[in-house]
Amino acid sequence: MVLLGGSGMNRVIKTIMDGDKLIDANIFYPPTLIAPAIEITAMRYATQSPIRGRHVLDSPLITKANAEEFHFPDSPC
């Protein structure tokens, strides 16, 4: 079983960078993910119509190979 979490927390990413055997990947949820949700919600209320469709948002997988790109040493989390 593979379990992912942490939402891109800096300390979790550091753990991945250090090669921890229990945490070898994470998923990053960028703050920009909220923009499409707000747009869809606003459209729903503006049109009073159901919103249908599939909305796929990019959420990068963080592994040891790319963790440094997502690590910010000065971050409080």
C-alpha atoms as a PDB file:
ATOM      1  CA  MET A   1       0.000   0.000   0.000  1.00  0.00           C
ATOM      2  CA  VAL A   2       1.219   3.475  -0.866  1.00  0.00           C
ATOM      3  CA  LEU A   3       0.003   6.426   1.140  1.00  0.00           C
ATOM      4  CA  LEU A   4       0.794  10.007   0.134  1.00  0.00           C
ATOM      5  CA  GLY A   5       0.194  13.181   2.055  1.00  0.00           C
ATOM      6  CA  GLY A   6       1.858  16.228   3.497  1.00  0.00           C
ATOM      7  CA  SER A   7       0.607  18.699   0.878  1.00  0.00           C
ATOM      8  CA  GLY A   8       4.129  19.799   0.061  1.00  0.00           C
ATOM      9  CA  MET A   9       5.096  20.637   3.633  1.00  0.00           C
ATOM     10  CA  ASN A  10       8.741  21.697   3.712  1.00  0.00           C
ATOM     11  CA  ARG A  11       9.732  19.247   6.451  1.00  0.00           C
ATOM     12  CA  VAL A  12       8.160  16.355   4.541  1.00  0.00           C
ATOM     13  CA  ILE A  13      10.023  17.357   1.395  1.00  0.00           C
ATOM     14  CA  LYS A  14      13.274  17.507   3.384  1.00  0.00           C
ATOM     15  CA  THR A  15      12.572  13.981   4.631  1.00  0.00           C
ATOM     16  CA  ILE A  16      12.192  12.835   1.020  1.00  0.00           C
ATOM     17  CA  MET A  17      15.434  14.578   0.064  1.00  0.00           C
ATOM     18  CA  ASP A  18      17.203  12.800   2.923  1.00  0.00           C
ATOM     19  CA  GLY A  19      16.116   9.408   1.549  1.00  0.00           C
ATOM     20  CA  ASP A  20      13.746   8.343   4.345  1.00  0.00           C
ATOM     21  CA  LYS A  21      12.488   4.818   3.623  1.00  0.00           C
ATOM     22  CA  LEU A  22       9.001   5.504   5.010  1.00  0.00           C
ATOM     23  CA  ILE A  23       8.341   8.708   3.096  1.00  0.00           C
ATOM     24  CA  ASP A  24       9.638   8.532  -0.449  1.00  0.00           C
ATOM     25  CA  ALA A  25       7.071  10.719  -2.216  1.00  0.00           C
ATOM     26  CA  ASN A  26       4.594  13.511  -1.623  1.00  0.00           C
ATOM     27  CA  ILE A  27       2.046  15.464  -3.603  1.00  0.00           C
ATOM     28  CA  PHE A  28       2.278  19.224  -3.847  1.00  0.00           C
ATOM     29  CA  TYR A  29      -0.929  21.252  -3.783  1.00  0.00           C
ATOM     30  CA  PRO A  30       0.028  24.703  -5.064  1.00  0.00           C
ATOM     31  CA  PRO A  31      -1.964  27.678  -3.754  1.00  0.00           C
ATOM     32  CA  THR A  32      -3.072  28.374  -7.326  1.00  0.00           C
ATOM     33  CA  LEU A  33      -5.416  25.373  -7.151  1.00  0.00           C
ATOM     34  CA  ILE A  34      -7.986  27.596  -5.444  1.00  0.00           C
ATOM     35  CA  ALA A  35      -8.432  29.870  -8.498  1.00  0.00           C
ATOM     36  CA  PRO A  36     -10.287  27.319 -10.681  1.00  0.00           C
ATOM     37  CA  ALA A  37     -12.504  26.356  -7.737  1.00  0.00           C
ATOM     38  CA  ILE A  38     -13.493  29.995  -7.209  1.00  0.00           C
ATOM     39  CA  GLU A  39     -14.154  30.458 -10.942  1.00  0.00           C
ATOM     40  CA  ILE A  40     -16.343  27.344 -11.126  1.00  0.00           C
ATOM     41  CA  THR A  41     -18.272  28.356  -8.011  1.00  0.00           C
ATOM     42  CA  ALA A  42     -18.795  31.894  -9.322  1.00  0.00           C
ATOM     43  CA  MET A  43     -19.988  30.542 -12.669  1.00  0.00           C
ATOM     44  CA  ARG A  44     -22.458  28.256 -10.887  1.00  0.00           C
ATOM     45  CA  TYR A  45     -24.008  31.133  -8.954  1.00  0.00           C
ATOM     46  CA  ALA A  46     -23.925  33.578 -11.884  1.00  0.00           C
ATOM     47  CA  THR A  47     -25.697  31.217 -14.282  1.00  0.00           C
ATOM     48  CA  GLN A  48     -27.864  29.361 -11.752  1.00  0.00           C
ATOM     49  CA  SER A  49     -27.081  26.249 -13.804  1.00  0.00           C
ATOM     50  CA  PRO A  50     -25.358  23.040 -12.782  1.00  0.00           C
ATOM     51  CA  ILE A  51     -21.699  22.869 -13.705  1.00  0.00           C
ATOM     52  CA  ARG A  52     -20.790  19.633 -15.385  1.00  0.00           C
ATOM     53  CA  GLY A  53     -17.531  18.256 -16.599  1.00  0.00           C
ATOM     54  CA  ARG A  54     -14.243  17.039 -15.364  1.00  0.00           C
ATOM     55  CA  HIS A  55     -11.633  19.427 -14.053  1.00  0.00           C
ATOM     56  CA  VAL A  56      -8.105  18.039 -13.829  1.00  0.00           C
ATOM     57  CA  LEU A  57      -5.652  20.224 -11.958  1.00  0.00           C
ATOM     58  CA  ASP A  58      -1.914  19.697 -11.937  1.00  0.00           C
ATOM     59  CA  SER A  59      -0.544  18.475  -8.638  1.00  0.00           C
ATOM     60  CA  PRO A  60       3.081  17.417  -9.064  1.00  0.00           C
ATOM     61  CA  LEU A  61       4.445  14.242  -7.519  1.00  0.00           C
ATOM     62  CA  ILE A  62       7.498  15.037  -5.408  1.00  0.00           C
ATOM     63  CA  THR A  63      10.182  12.359  -5.304  1.00  0.00           C
ATOM     64  CA  LYS A  64      13.836  12.334  -4.326  1.00  0.00           C
ATOM     65  CA  ALA A  65      14.656  13.155  -7.965  1.00  0.00           C
ATOM     66  CA  ASN A  66      12.804  16.510  -7.915  1.00  0.00           C
ATOM     67  CA  ALA A  67      12.372  17.310  -4.186  1.00  0.00           C
ATOM     68  CA  GLU A  68      15.025  20.023  -4.216  1.00  0.00           C
ATOM     69  CA  GLU A  69      12.871  22.017  -6.640  1.00  0.00           C
ATOM     70  CA  PHE A  70      10.060  22.137  -4.042  1.00  0.00           C
ATOM     71  CA  HIS A  71      12.208  22.617  -0.908  1.00  0.00           C
ATOM     72  CA  PHE A  72      12.442  26.074   0.627  1.00  0.00           C
ATOM     73  CA  PRO A  73      14.854  26.027   3.613  1.00  0.00           C
ATOM     74  CA  ASP A  74      13.480  29.256   5.098  1.00  0.00           C
ATOM     75  CA  SER A  75       9.865  28.081   5.084  1.00  0.00           C
ATOM     76  CA  PRO A  76       8.325  27.718   8.582  1.00  0.00           C
ATOM     77  CA  CYS A  77       6.549  24.473   7.705  1.00  0.00           C
END
